[in-house]
Amino acid sequence: MYKPGPDEIGDLAADIAAFHDMAPDMLDFREALIEGLSGARKAIPCRFLYDERGSQLFDQICELPEYYPTRTEIGILRRIAPAIARIAGSGAQLIELGSGSSAKVGILLDALDRPHSYVPIDISREHLRAAARRIQAIYPRLRVEAVCADFGQSFDLPAMQGEGRRIGFYPGSTIGNLEPVEAIAFLGGWADRLGRGALMIVGVDLRKERAVLEPAYDDAQGVTAAFSLNVLARANRELGSDFMLDGFRHRALYDAATGRMGIDLISLVDQSVTLDGRRFDFAQGEPLHIENSWKYSLDDFQAMARRAGFTPAAVWTDERALFSVHLLEVAPPAR
């Protein structure tokens, strides 16, 4: 489809076609941290990693030689986009779960035949509006309808006109941050929301040897460690806690038996953290859990998709079988 050159884009001032605010419940950082530190297994929800500094560090992570997922998925998408466009047909509505950069979704928009609309979904109003306007500036003839919502919750999608198909797009192996049972429920909710005959494209990181996986989450330059530790600095700055930033170390540990990559901050000494007058004790060696990233075989993920109400239509990997992109179709209801 047509898009202007850089000189035609201007200052991105043109607004989008529609902004649908579903008033999502925002998980409060203070409440989440107190709850996470009060449990038997201390944890911080991974969504709080992404303040301004955290987002900058994650962008750096994506450029690291050890971190293969981003560049590998982009390479796969460039190769398969024409095939996806043929399957999707003309007039599709492309729905992106999360509004990131245009690097990935742009590959699909360039390939699709006269897409009906692009619908980015994100919980952050400011980030969503900026990302949607950026796409609108690059593709001025495309209808862009942003939806401010928690895409793990129930809400209605913008209406479609014509005979085009809906296509959900969930890249980046973000599905791996959910526990497997949660991932099946999440996919099932989207099968219902997208409707019969719709498609969904999901990026899924594959099981592989620890020698490849662990450096991807604990790089030699220490960028990923800084990314994890930044959440403690954020808590100190925004909430008034007193985490010792040099009292924890980043750890990435892969369990090959289950396919779970666990990211933790390990307490280096016996120490205490205070927040709102409450004291939370850490023993030396005790983990503060930050994130999971589950890895799947092709067969395992397709079995999960079937349980969620999808029919696997196609799957593609890179030459080294590091990463996979799955094309799923919403299965017809059982008779």
C-alpha atoms as a PDB file:
ATOM      1  CA  MET A   1       0.000   0.000   0.000  1.00  0.00           C
ATOM      2  CA  TYR A   2       1.071   3.645  -0.507  1.00  0.00           C
ATOM      3  CA  LYS A   3       3.152   5.375   2.149  1.00  0.00           C
ATOM      4  CA  PRO A   4       4.963   8.707   1.879  1.00  0.00           C
ATOM      5  CA  GLY A   5       8.686   9.222   2.015  1.00  0.00           C
ATOM      6  CA  PRO A   6      10.396  10.770   5.085  1.00  0.00           C
ATOM      7  CA  ASP A   7      10.082  14.285   3.671  1.00  0.00           C
ATOM      8  CA  GLU A   8       6.314  13.863   3.390  1.00  0.00           C
ATOM      9  CA  ILE A   9       5.676  12.736   6.949  1.00  0.00           C
ATOM     10  CA  GLY A  10       6.144  16.129   8.619  1.00  0.00           C
ATOM     11  CA  ASP A  11       5.731  16.499  12.378  1.00  0.00           C
ATOM     12  CA  LEU A  12       3.214  13.668  12.899  1.00  0.00           C
ATOM     13  CA  ALA A  13       0.586  16.242  13.869  1.00  0.00           C
ATOM     14  CA  ALA A  14      -2.264  14.685  11.895  1.00  0.00           C
ATOM     15  CA  ASP A  15      -4.649  12.885  14.216  1.00  0.00           C
ATOM     16  CA  ILE A  16      -5.943   9.364  13.798  1.00  0.00           C
ATOM     17  CA  ALA A  17      -9.440   8.359  12.697  1.00  0.00           C
ATOM     18  CA  ALA A  18     -10.649   7.382  16.165  1.00  0.00           C
ATOM     19  CA  PHE A  19      -9.451   6.891  19.743  1.00  0.00           C
ATOM     20  CA  HIS A  20     -11.568   4.474  21.771  1.00  0.00           C
ATOM     21  CA  ASP A  21     -10.896   4.807  25.512  1.00  0.00           C
ATOM     22  CA  MET A  22     -12.127   1.749  27.405  1.00  0.00           C
ATOM     23  CA  ALA A  23     -10.927   3.265  30.728  1.00  0.00           C
ATOM     24  CA  PRO A  24      -8.762   0.276  31.665  1.00  0.00           C
ATOM     25  CA  ASP A  25      -7.941  -0.322  35.319  1.00  0.00           C
ATOM     26  CA  MET A  26      -4.334   0.713  35.843  1.00  0.00           C
ATOM     27  CA  LEU A  27      -2.445  -1.538  38.234  1.00  0.00           C
ATOM     28  CA  ASP A  28      -1.039   0.801  40.896  1.00  0.00           C
ATOM     29  CA  PHE A  29       2.739   0.465  41.296  1.00  0.00           C
ATOM     30  CA  ARG A  30       2.640   1.056  45.062  1.00  0.00           C
ATOM     31  CA  GLU A  31      -0.122  -1.474  45.688  1.00  0.00           C
ATOM     32  CA  ALA A  32       1.472  -4.038  43.369  1.00  0.00           C
ATOM     33  CA  LEU A  33       4.886  -3.674  45.009  1.00  0.00           C
ATOM     34  CA  ILE A  34       3.537  -3.998  48.543  1.00  0.00           C
ATOM     35  CA  GLU A  35       1.534  -7.060  47.518  1.00  0.00           C
ATOM     36  CA  GLY A  36       4.511  -8.550  45.692  1.00  0.00           C
ATOM     37  CA  LEU A  37       6.906  -8.038  48.595  1.00  0.00           C
ATOM     38  CA  SER A  38       4.406  -9.478  51.086  1.00  0.00           C
ATOM     39  CA  GLY A  39       4.137 -12.887  49.443  1.00  0.00           C
ATOM     40  CA  ALA A  40       6.059 -16.025  50.284  1.00  0.00           C
ATOM     41  CA  ARG A  41       7.823 -15.652  46.935  1.00  0.00           C
ATOM     42  CA  LYS A  42       8.634 -11.977  46.545  1.00  0.00           C
ATOM     43  CA  ALA A  43       7.928 -10.579  43.069  1.00  0.00           C
ATOM     44  CA  ILE A  44       7.388  -7.401  41.064  1.00  0.00           C
ATOM     45  CA  PRO A  45       5.011  -7.572  38.038  1.00  0.00           C
ATOM     46  CA  CYS A  46       7.094  -7.245  34.891  1.00  0.00           C
ATOM     47  CA  ARG A  47       4.920  -4.463  33.439  1.00  0.00           C
ATOM     48  CA  PHE A  48       6.622  -2.044  35.863  1.00  0.00           C
ATOM     49  CA  LEU A  49       9.972  -2.572  34.158  1.00  0.00           C
ATOM     50  CA  TYR A  50       8.885  -0.186  31.405  1.00  0.00           C
ATOM     51  CA  ASP A  51       9.183   3.351  32.671  1.00  0.00           C
ATOM     52  CA  GLU A  52      10.983   5.817  30.388  1.00  0.00           C
ATOM     53  CA  ARG A  53      14.441   4.562  31.385  1.00  0.00           C
ATOM     54  CA  GLY A  54      13.337   0.934  31.250  1.00  0.00           C
ATOM     55  CA  SER A  55      11.953   1.381  27.741  1.00  0.00           C
ATOM     56  CA  GLN A  56      15.233   2.966  26.625  1.00  0.00           C
ATOM     57  CA  LEU A  57      17.200   0.046  28.059  1.00  0.00           C
ATOM     58  CA  PHE A  58      14.902  -2.486  26.399  1.00  0.00           C
ATOM     59  CA  ASP A  59      15.462  -0.789  23.046  1.00  0.00           C
ATOM     60  CA  GLN A  60      19.201  -1.254  23.657  1.00  0.00           C
ATOM     61  CA  ILE A  61      18.647  -4.909  24.561  1.00  0.00           C
ATOM     62  CA  CYS A  62      16.979  -5.501  21.199  1.00  0.00           C
ATOM     63  CA  GLU A  63      20.196  -4.399  19.470  1.00  0.00           C
ATOM     64  CA  LEU A  64      22.526  -6.647  21.482  1.00  0.00           C
ATOM     65  CA  PRO A  65      24.303  -9.496  19.685  1.00  0.00           C
ATOM     66  CA  GLU A  66      23.102 -12.012  22.283  1.00  0.00           C
ATOM     67  CA  TYR A  67      19.445 -10.994  22.044  1.00  0.00           C
ATOM     68  CA  TYR A  68      18.185 -12.826  18.965  1.00  0.00           C
ATOM     69  CA  PRO A  69      14.339 -12.605  19.268  1.00  0.00           C
ATOM     70  CA  THR A  70      13.708  -9.146  17.783  1.00  0.00           C
ATOM     71  CA  ARG A  71      15.922  -9.336  14.711  1.00  0.00           C
ATOM     72  CA  THR A  72      15.019 -12.993  14.112  1.00  0.00           C
ATOM     73  CA  GLU A  73      11.275 -12.323  14.214  1.00  0.00           C
ATOM     74  CA  ILE A  74      11.653  -9.319  11.899  1.00  0.00           C
ATOM     75  CA  GLY A  75      13.585 -11.493   9.454  1.00  0.00           C
ATOM     76  CA  ILE A  76      10.838 -14.125   9.486  1.00  0.00           C
ATOM     77  CA  LEU A  77       8.089 -11.525   9.021  1.00  0.00           C
ATOM     78  CA  ARG A  78       9.854 -10.007   6.016  1.00  0.00           C
ATOM     79  CA  ARG A  79      10.042 -13.430   4.407  1.00  0.00           C
ATOM     80  CA  ILE A  80       6.480 -14.550   5.111  1.00  0.00           C
ATOM     81  CA  ALA A  81       4.495 -11.310   4.798  1.00  0.00           C
ATOM     82  CA  PRO A  82       3.474 -12.001   1.166  1.00  0.00           C
ATOM     83  CA  ALA A  83       2.166 -15.427   2.141  1.00  0.00           C
ATOM     84  CA  ILE A  84       0.172 -13.968   5.030  1.00  0.00           C
ATOM     85  CA  ALA A  85      -1.258 -11.323   2.696  1.00  0.00           C
ATOM     86  CA  ARG A  86      -2.403 -14.003   0.242  1.00  0.00           C
ATOM     87  CA  ILE A  87      -4.145 -15.936   3.008  1.00  0.00           C
ATOM     88  CA  ALA A  88      -5.693 -12.823   4.544  1.00  0.00           C
ATOM     89  CA  GLY A  89      -7.087 -11.429   1.300  1.00  0.00           C
ATOM     90  CA  SER A  90      -8.094  -7.807   0.768  1.00  0.00           C
ATOM     91  CA  GLY A  91      -9.753  -5.442   3.213  1.00  0.00           C
ATOM     92  CA  ALA A  92      -8.349  -6.935   6.423  1.00  0.00           C
ATOM     93  CA  GLN A  93      -8.475  -5.241   9.809  1.00  0.00           C
ATOM     94  CA  LEU A  94      -5.052  -5.590  11.456  1.00  0.00           C
ATOM     95  CA  ILE A  95      -5.251  -5.539  15.264  1.00  0.00           C
ATOM     96  CA  GLU A  96      -1.965  -5.197  17.152  1.00  0.00           C
ATOM     97  CA  LEU A  97      -1.875  -6.234  20.798  1.00  0.00           C
ATOM     98  CA  GLY A  98       0.449  -3.603  22.207  1.00  0.00           C
ATOM     99  CA  SER A  99       1.595  -0.577  20.259  1.00  0.00           C
ATOM    100  CA  GLY A 100       5.325  -0.778  19.724  1.00  0.00           C
ATOM    101  CA  SER A 101       7.485   0.610  16.971  1.00  0.00           C
ATOM    102  CA  SER A 102       6.413   0.370  13.339  1.00  0.00           C
ATOM    103  CA  ALA A 103       9.253  -2.043  12.524  1.00  0.00           C
ATOM    104  CA  LYS A 104       7.133  -5.200  12.726  1.00  0.00           C
ATOM    105  CA  VAL A 105       3.600  -4.070  11.978  1.00  0.00           C
ATOM    106  CA  GLY A 106       4.873  -2.006   9.048  1.00  0.00           C
ATOM    107  CA  ILE A 107       6.061  -5.186   7.353  1.00  0.00           C
ATOM    108  CA  LEU A 108       2.499  -6.519   7.411  1.00  0.00           C
ATOM    109  CA  LEU A 109       0.870  -3.228   6.431  1.00  0.00           C
ATOM    110  CA  ASP A 110       3.194  -2.960   3.436  1.00  0.00           C
ATOM    111  CA  ALA A 111       2.209  -6.459   2.299  1.00  0.00           C
ATOM    112  CA  LEU A 112      -1.557  -6.468   2.923  1.00  0.00           C
ATOM    113  CA  ASP A 113      -3.923  -5.679   0.062  1.00  0.00           C
ATOM    114  CA  ARG A 114      -5.964  -2.555   0.803  1.00  0.00           C
ATOM    115  CA  PRO A 115      -6.329  -3.147   4.558  1.00  0.00           C
ATOM    116  CA  HIS A 116      -9.582  -1.858   6.040  1.00  0.00           C
ATOM    117  CA  SER A 117      -7.949  -0.457   9.169  1.00  0.00           C
ATOM    118  CA  TYR A 118      -5.181  -0.751  11.733  1.00  0.00           C
ATOM    119  CA  VAL A 119      -6.199  -1.081  15.392  1.00  0.00           C
ATOM    120  CA  PRO A 120      -3.383  -0.737  17.953  1.00  0.00           C
ATOM    121  CA  ILE A 121      -4.325  -1.652  21.527  1.00  0.00           C
ATOM    122  CA  ASP A 122      -2.394  -0.501  24.579  1.00  0.00           C
ATOM    123  CA  ILE A 123      -3.082   0.343  28.209  1.00  0.00           C
ATOM    124  CA  SER A 124      -0.972   3.531  28.155  1.00  0.00           C
ATOM    125  CA  ARG A 125      -2.945   6.403  26.623  1.00  0.00           C
ATOM    126  CA  GLU A 126       0.071   8.598  25.904  1.00  0.00           C
ATOM    127  CA  HIS A 127       2.161   5.829  24.381  1.00  0.00           C
ATOM    128  CA  LEU A 128      -0.792   4.547  22.362  1.00  0.00           C
ATOM    129  CA  ARG A 129      -1.722   7.929  20.915  1.00  0.00           C
ATOM    130  CA  ALA A 130       1.887   8.657  19.922  1.00  0.00           C
ATOM    131  CA  ALA A 131       2.338   5.239  18.304  1.00  0.00           C
ATOM    132  CA  ALA A 132      -0.988   5.462  16.457  1.00  0.00           C
ATOM    133  CA  ARG A 133      -0.189   8.927  15.121  1.00  0.00           C
ATOM    134  CA  ARG A 134       3.189   7.690  13.942  1.00  0.00           C
ATOM    135  CA  ILE A 135       1.542   4.921  11.903  1.00  0.00           C
ATOM    136  CA  GLN A 136      -1.082   7.356  10.588  1.00  0.00           C
ATOM    137  CA  ALA A 137       1.682   9.683   9.375  1.00  0.00           C
ATOM    138  CA  ILE A 138       3.495   6.855   7.615  1.00  0.00           C
ATOM    139  CA  TYR A 139       0.258   5.479   6.084  1.00  0.00           C
ATOM    140  CA  PRO A 140      -1.998   8.521   5.551  1.00  0.00           C
ATOM    141  CA  ARG A 141      -4.606   6.558   3.545  1.00  0.00           C
ATOM    142  CA  LEU A 142      -5.000   3.919   6.244  1.00  0.00           C
ATOM    143  CA  ARG A 143      -7.804   4.159   8.801  1.00  0.00           C
ATOM    144  CA  VAL A 144      -6.172   4.020  12.257  1.00  0.00           C
ATOM    145  CA  GLU A 145      -8.451   3.375  15.244  1.00  0.00           C
ATOM    146  CA  ALA A 146      -6.614   3.174  18.562  1.00  0.00           C
ATOM    147  CA  VAL A 147      -8.118   1.332  21.525  1.00  0.00           C
ATOM    148  CA  CYS A 148      -6.937   2.172  25.044  1.00  0.00           C
ATOM    149  CA  ALA A 149      -7.544  -1.062  26.907  1.00  0.00           C
ATOM    150  CA  ASP A 150      -5.902  -3.906  28.775  1.00  0.00           C
ATOM    151  CA  PHE A 151      -5.813  -6.458  25.987  1.00  0.00           C
ATOM    152  CA  GLY A 152      -5.963  -9.258  28.535  1.00  0.00           C
ATOM    153  CA  GLN A 153      -9.452  -8.096  29.565  1.00  0.00           C
ATOM    154  CA  SER A 154     -12.796  -8.146  27.749  1.00  0.00           C
ATOM    155  CA  PHE A 155     -13.807  -5.262  25.479  1.00  0.00           C
ATOM    156  CA  ASP A 156     -15.348  -4.702  22.052  1.00  0.00           C
ATOM    157  CA  LEU A 157     -13.268  -4.142  18.930  1.00  0.00           C
ATOM    158  CA  PRO A 158     -14.068  -1.360  16.446  1.00  0.00           C
ATOM    159  CA  ALA A 159     -16.638  -2.410  13.871  1.00  0.00           C
ATOM    160  CA  MET A 160     -15.614  -3.589  10.423  1.00  0.00           C
ATOM    161  CA  GLN A 161     -17.199  -2.904   7.066  1.00  0.00           C
ATOM    162  CA  GLY A 162     -17.076  -5.191   4.060  1.00  0.00           C
ATOM    163  CA  GLU A 163     -15.946  -8.769   3.801  1.00  0.00           C
ATOM    164  CA  GLY A 164     -12.372  -8.492   5.088  1.00  0.00           C
ATOM    165  CA  ARG A 165     -10.946 -10.665   7.822  1.00  0.00           C
ATOM    166  CA  ARG A 166      -9.749  -9.610  11.230  1.00  0.00           C
ATOM    167  CA  ILE A 167      -6.096 -10.368  11.955  1.00  0.00           C
ATOM    168  CA  GLY A 168      -4.759 -10.273  15.490  1.00  0.00           C
ATOM    169  CA  PHE A 169      -1.027  -9.554  15.731  1.00  0.00           C
ATOM    170  CA  TYR A 170       0.853 -10.481  18.922  1.00  0.00           C
ATOM    171  CA  PRO A 171       4.590 -10.334  18.174  1.00  0.00           C
ATOM    172  CA  GLY A 172       7.693 -10.381  20.328  1.00  0.00           C
ATOM    173  CA  SER A 173       7.082 -13.664  22.165  1.00  0.00           C
ATOM    174  CA  THR A 174       5.115 -11.674  24.754  1.00  0.00           C
ATOM    175  CA  ILE A 175       2.864 -14.723  25.049  1.00  0.00           C
ATOM    176  CA  GLY A 176       5.809 -16.310  26.891  1.00  0.00           C
ATOM    177  CA  ASN A 177       5.414 -13.928  29.833  1.00  0.00           C
ATOM    178  CA  LEU A 178       2.191 -15.735  30.749  1.00  0.00           C
ATOM    179  CA  GLU A 179       2.048 -19.061  32.545  1.00  0.00           C
ATOM    180  CA  PRO A 180       1.000 -21.768  30.052  1.00  0.00           C
ATOM    181  CA  VAL A 181      -2.501 -22.092  31.534  1.00  0.00           C
ATOM    182  CA  GLU A 182      -2.868 -18.305  31.428  1.00  0.00           C
ATOM    183  CA  ALA A 183      -1.631 -18.247  27.833  1.00  0.00           C
ATOM    184  CA  ILE A 184      -4.347 -20.721  26.772  1.00  0.00           C
ATOM    185  CA  ALA A 185      -7.025 -18.631  28.488  1.00  0.00           C
ATOM    186  CA  PHE A 186      -5.631 -15.472  26.900  1.00  0.00           C
ATOM    187  CA  LEU A 187      -5.670 -17.004  23.420  1.00  0.00           C
ATOM    188  CA  GLY A 188      -9.180 -18.340  24.020  1.00  0.00           C
ATOM    189  CA  GLY A 189     -10.408 -14.868  24.860  1.00  0.00           C
ATOM    190  CA  TRP A 190      -8.950 -13.541  21.637  1.00  0.00           C
ATOM    191  CA  ALA A 191     -10.414 -16.360  19.568  1.00  0.00           C
ATOM    192  CA  ASP A 192     -13.836 -15.298  20.869  1.00  0.00           C
ATOM    193  CA  ARG A 193     -13.176 -11.588  20.323  1.00  0.00           C
ATOM    194  CA  LEU A 194     -11.805 -11.907  16.796  1.00  0.00           C
ATOM    195  CA  GLY A 195     -14.628 -14.174  15.665  1.00  0.00           C
ATOM    196  CA  ARG A 196     -15.055 -17.090  13.301  1.00  0.00           C
ATOM    197  CA  GLY A 197     -12.731 -17.092  10.306  1.00  0.00           C
ATOM    198  CA  ALA A 198     -10.361 -14.502  11.789  1.00  0.00           C
ATOM    199  CA  LEU A 199      -6.612 -14.982  11.860  1.00  0.00           C
ATOM    200  CA  MET A 200      -4.045 -14.419  14.578  1.00  0.00           C
ATOM    201  CA  ILE A 201      -0.278 -14.065  14.154  1.00  0.00           C
ATOM    202  CA  VAL A 202       1.729 -14.947  17.262  1.00  0.00           C
ATOM    203  CA  GLY A 203       5.475 -14.752  17.797  1.00  0.00           C
ATOM    204  CA  VAL A 204       6.735 -17.647  19.918  1.00  0.00           C
ATOM    205  CA  ASP A 205      10.268 -18.217  21.161  1.00  0.00           C
ATOM    206  CA  LEU A 206      11.408 -21.822  20.795  1.00  0.00           C
ATOM    207  CA  ARG A 207      13.096 -24.185  23.200  1.00  0.00           C
ATOM    208  CA  LYS A 208      16.842 -24.336  22.708  1.00  0.00           C
ATOM    209  CA  GLU A 209      20.083 -24.889  24.550  1.00  0.00           C
ATOM    210  CA  ARG A 210      20.932 -22.864  27.644  1.00  0.00           C
ATOM    211  CA  ALA A 211      24.108 -21.634  25.989  1.00  0.00           C
ATOM    212  CA  VAL A 212      21.971 -19.545  23.619  1.00  0.00           C
ATOM    213  CA  LEU A 213      19.085 -18.627  25.924  1.00  0.00           C
ATOM    214  CA  GLU A 214      20.807 -17.481  29.090  1.00  0.00           C
ATOM    215  CA  PRO A 215      23.164 -14.966  27.408  1.00  0.00           C
ATOM    216  CA  ALA A 216      20.132 -13.506  25.617  1.00  0.00           C
ATOM    217  CA  TYR A 217      18.748 -12.575  29.045  1.00  0.00           C
ATOM    218  CA  ASP A 218      22.075 -11.832  30.765  1.00  0.00           C
ATOM    219  CA  ASP A 219      24.325 -10.130  28.206  1.00  0.00           C
ATOM    220  CA  ALA A 220      28.029  -9.486  28.568  1.00  0.00           C
ATOM    221  CA  GLN A 221      27.574  -5.692  28.554  1.00  0.00           C
ATOM    222  CA  GLY A 222      25.168  -5.802  31.500  1.00  0.00           C
ATOM    223  CA  VAL A 223      22.350  -3.979  29.717  1.00  0.00           C
ATOM    224  CA  THR A 224      19.737  -6.565  30.717  1.00  0.00           C
ATOM    225  CA  ALA A 225      20.966  -6.462  34.306  1.00  0.00           C
ATOM    226  CA  ALA A 226      20.575  -2.685  34.289  1.00  0.00           C
ATOM    227  CA  PHE A 227      17.069  -3.125  32.857  1.00  0.00           C
ATOM    228  CA  SER A 228      16.056  -5.410  35.746  1.00  0.00           C
ATOM    229  CA  LEU A 229      17.703  -3.282  38.451  1.00  0.00           C
ATOM    230  CA  ASN A 230      16.075  -0.146  37.071  1.00  0.00           C
ATOM    231  CA  VAL A 231      12.736  -1.226  38.548  1.00  0.00           C
ATOM    232  CA  LEU A 232      14.281  -0.873  42.027  1.00  0.00           C
ATOM    233  CA  ALA A 233      15.560   2.600  41.167  1.00  0.00           C
ATOM    234  CA  ARG A 234      12.075   3.445  39.923  1.00  0.00           C
ATOM    235  CA  ALA A 235      10.528   2.249  43.204  1.00  0.00           C
ATOM    236  CA  ASN A 236      12.967   4.368  45.212  1.00  0.00           C
ATOM    237  CA  ARG A 237      12.316   7.425  43.056  1.00  0.00           C
ATOM    238  CA  GLU A 238       8.539   7.189  42.684  1.00  0.00           C
ATOM    239  CA  LEU A 239       7.475   5.455  45.896  1.00  0.00           C
ATOM    240  CA  GLY A 240      10.136   6.407  48.422  1.00  0.00           C
ATOM    241  CA  SER A 241      11.384   2.874  49.077  1.00  0.00           C
ATOM    242  CA  ASP A 242      15.005   2.285  50.022  1.00  0.00           C
ATOM    243  CA  PHE A 243      16.232  -0.617  47.925  1.00  0.00           C
ATOM    244  CA  MET A 244      20.033  -0.857  47.923  1.00  0.00           C
ATOM    245  CA  LEU A 245      20.736  -0.896  44.197  1.00  0.00           C
ATOM    246  CA  ASP A 246      24.112  -2.537  44.758  1.00  0.00           C
ATOM    247  CA  GLY A 247      22.547  -5.097  47.100  1.00  0.00           C
ATOM    248  CA  PHE A 248      20.990  -7.188  44.321  1.00  0.00           C
ATOM    249  CA  ARG A 249      22.289  -8.942  41.228  1.00  0.00           C
ATOM    250  CA  HIS A 250      20.463  -9.941  38.065  1.00  0.00           C
ATOM    251  CA  ARG A 251      20.046 -13.679  37.378  1.00  0.00           C
ATOM    252  CA  ALA A 252      18.675 -15.409  34.277  1.00  0.00           C
ATOM    253  CA  LEU A 253      18.173 -19.146  34.723  1.00  0.00           C
ATOM    254  CA  TYR A 254      16.664 -21.510  32.162  1.00  0.00           C
ATOM    255  CA  ASP A 255      14.908 -24.718  33.211  1.00  0.00           C
ATOM    256  CA  ALA A 256      15.242 -26.984  30.184  1.00  0.00           C
ATOM    257  CA  ALA A 257      12.814 -29.539  31.639  1.00  0.00           C
ATOM    258  CA  THR A 258       9.903 -27.086  31.690  1.00  0.00           C
ATOM    259  CA  GLY A 259      10.981 -24.501  29.084  1.00  0.00           C
ATOM    260  CA  ARG A 260      10.807 -21.683  31.648  1.00  0.00           C
ATOM    261  CA  MET A 261      13.313 -18.831  31.597  1.00  0.00           C
ATOM    262  CA  GLY A 262      13.191 -17.159  34.999  1.00  0.00           C
ATOM    263  CA  ILE A 263      14.499 -13.642  35.661  1.00  0.00           C
ATOM    264  CA  ASP A 264      15.209 -12.722  39.273  1.00  0.00           C
ATOM    265  CA  LEU A 265      17.096 -10.160  41.326  1.00  0.00           C
ATOM    266  CA  ILE A 266      19.120 -12.000  43.973  1.00  0.00           C
ATOM    267  CA  SER A 267      19.770 -10.389  47.347  1.00  0.00           C
ATOM    268  CA  LEU A 268      23.520 -10.291  47.940  1.00  0.00           C
ATOM    269  CA  VAL A 269      23.213  -9.885  51.727  1.00  0.00           C
ATOM    270  CA  ASP A 270      20.699 -10.112  54.536  1.00  0.00           C
ATOM    271  CA  GLN A 271      18.859  -6.812  54.208  1.00  0.00           C
ATOM    272  CA  SER A 272      15.595  -4.986  54.758  1.00  0.00           C
ATOM    273  CA  VAL A 273      13.572  -2.693  52.512  1.00  0.00           C
ATOM    274  CA  THR A 274      11.044  -0.208  53.825  1.00  0.00           C
ATOM    275  CA  LEU A 275       8.028   1.138  51.975  1.00  0.00           C
ATOM    276  CA  ASP A 276       5.218   3.193  53.524  1.00  0.00           C
ATOM    277  CA  GLY A 277       6.485   2.349  56.994  1.00  0.00           C
ATOM    278  CA  ARG A 278       6.438  -1.396  56.316  1.00  0.00           C
ATOM    279  CA  ARG A 279       9.578  -3.527  56.492  1.00  0.00           C
ATOM    280  CA  PHE A 280      10.342  -6.342  54.085  1.00  0.00           C
ATOM    281  CA  ASP A 281      13.251  -8.639  54.921  1.00  0.00           C
ATOM    282  CA  PHE A 282      15.476 -10.361  52.374  1.00  0.00           C
ATOM    283  CA  ALA A 283      17.817 -13.206  53.250  1.00  0.00           C
ATOM    284  CA  GLN A 284      21.139 -13.477  51.473  1.00  0.00           C
ATOM    285  CA  GLY A 285      20.518 -15.367  48.222  1.00  0.00           C
ATOM    286  CA  GLU A 286      16.752 -14.782  48.283  1.00  0.00           C
ATOM    287  CA  PRO A 287      15.251 -14.052  44.842  1.00  0.00           C
ATOM    288  CA  LEU A 288      12.975 -11.165  43.950  1.00  0.00           C
ATOM    289  CA  HIS A 289      11.130 -12.505  40.916  1.00  0.00           C
ATOM    290  CA  ILE A 290      10.894 -10.147  37.951  1.00  0.00           C
ATOM    291  CA  GLU A 291       9.712 -12.088  34.932  1.00  0.00           C
ATOM    292  CA  ASN A 292       9.116 -15.452  33.269  1.00  0.00           C
ATOM    293  CA  SER A 293       9.650 -16.130  29.588  1.00  0.00           C
ATOM    294  CA  TRP A 294       8.295 -19.517  28.584  1.00  0.00           C
ATOM    295  CA  LYS A 295       9.747 -21.280  25.554  1.00  0.00           C
ATOM    296  CA  TYR A 296       7.775 -23.820  23.544  1.00  0.00           C
ATOM    297  CA  SER A 297       8.251 -26.460  20.897  1.00  0.00           C
ATOM    298  CA  LEU A 298       6.209 -26.017  17.705  1.00  0.00           C
ATOM    299  CA  ASP A 299       3.964 -28.934  18.632  1.00  0.00           C
ATOM    300  CA  ASP A 300       3.427 -27.736  22.200  1.00  0.00           C
ATOM    301  CA  PHE A 301       2.325 -24.264  21.158  1.00  0.00           C
ATOM    302  CA  GLN A 302       0.031 -25.562  18.426  1.00  0.00           C
ATOM    303  CA  ALA A 303      -1.588 -27.888  20.979  1.00  0.00           C
ATOM    304  CA  MET A 304      -2.172 -24.873  23.230  1.00  0.00           C
ATOM    305  CA  ALA A 305      -3.686 -22.940  20.319  1.00  0.00           C
ATOM    306  CA  ARG A 306      -6.092 -25.790  19.567  1.00  0.00           C
ATOM    307  CA  ARG A 307      -7.206 -25.886  23.211  1.00  0.00           C
ATOM    308  CA  ALA A 308      -7.897 -22.146  22.940  1.00  0.00           C
ATOM    309  CA  GLY A 309     -10.179 -22.531  19.923  1.00  0.00           C
ATOM    310  CA  PHE A 310      -7.743 -21.909  17.070  1.00  0.00           C
ATOM    311  CA  THR A 311      -6.749 -24.095  14.155  1.00  0.00           C
ATOM    312  CA  PRO A 312      -3.035 -23.804  13.279  1.00  0.00           C
ATOM    313  CA  ALA A 313      -2.888 -22.637   9.647  1.00  0.00           C
ATOM    314  CA  ALA A 314       0.871 -22.238   9.159  1.00  0.00           C
ATOM    315  CA  VAL A 315       4.102 -21.830  11.076  1.00  0.00           C
ATOM    316  CA  TRP A 316       7.478 -20.452  10.037  1.00  0.00           C
ATOM    317  CA  THR A 317      10.883 -20.434  11.715  1.00  0.00           C
ATOM    318  CA  ASP A 318      14.320 -19.053  10.964  1.00  0.00           C
ATOM    319  CA  GLU A 319      17.123 -21.257   9.630  1.00  0.00           C
ATOM    320  CA  ARG A 320      18.472 -21.978  13.128  1.00  0.00           C
ATOM    321  CA  ALA A 321      15.024 -22.703  14.594  1.00  0.00           C
ATOM    322  CA  LEU A 322      15.484 -20.036  17.251  1.00  0.00           C
ATOM    323  CA  PHE A 323      12.088 -18.382  16.851  1.00  0.00           C
ATOM    324  CA  SER A 324       8.711 -19.097  15.293  1.00  0.00           C
ATOM    325  CA  VAL A 325       5.773 -17.159  13.893  1.00  0.00           C
ATOM    326  CA  HIS A 326       2.416 -18.953  14.005  1.00  0.00           C
ATOM    327  CA  LEU A 327      -0.603 -18.176  11.857  1.00  0.00           C
ATOM    328  CA  LEU A 328      -3.769 -19.341  13.603  1.00  0.00           C
ATOM    329  CA  GLU A 329      -7.358 -19.350  12.393  1.00  0.00           C
ATOM    330  CA  VAL A 330     -10.374 -19.189  14.665  1.00  0.00           C
ATOM    331  CA  ALA A 331     -11.918 -22.634  14.462  1.00  0.00           C
ATOM    332  CA  PRO A 332     -15.613 -22.968  13.559  1.00  0.00           C
ATOM    333  CA  PRO A 333     -17.870 -23.873  16.501  1.00  0.00           C
ATOM    334  CA  ALA A 334     -18.312 -27.568  17.217  1.00  0.00           C
ATOM    335  CA  ARG A 335     -21.497 -29.084  15.849  1.00  0.00           C
END
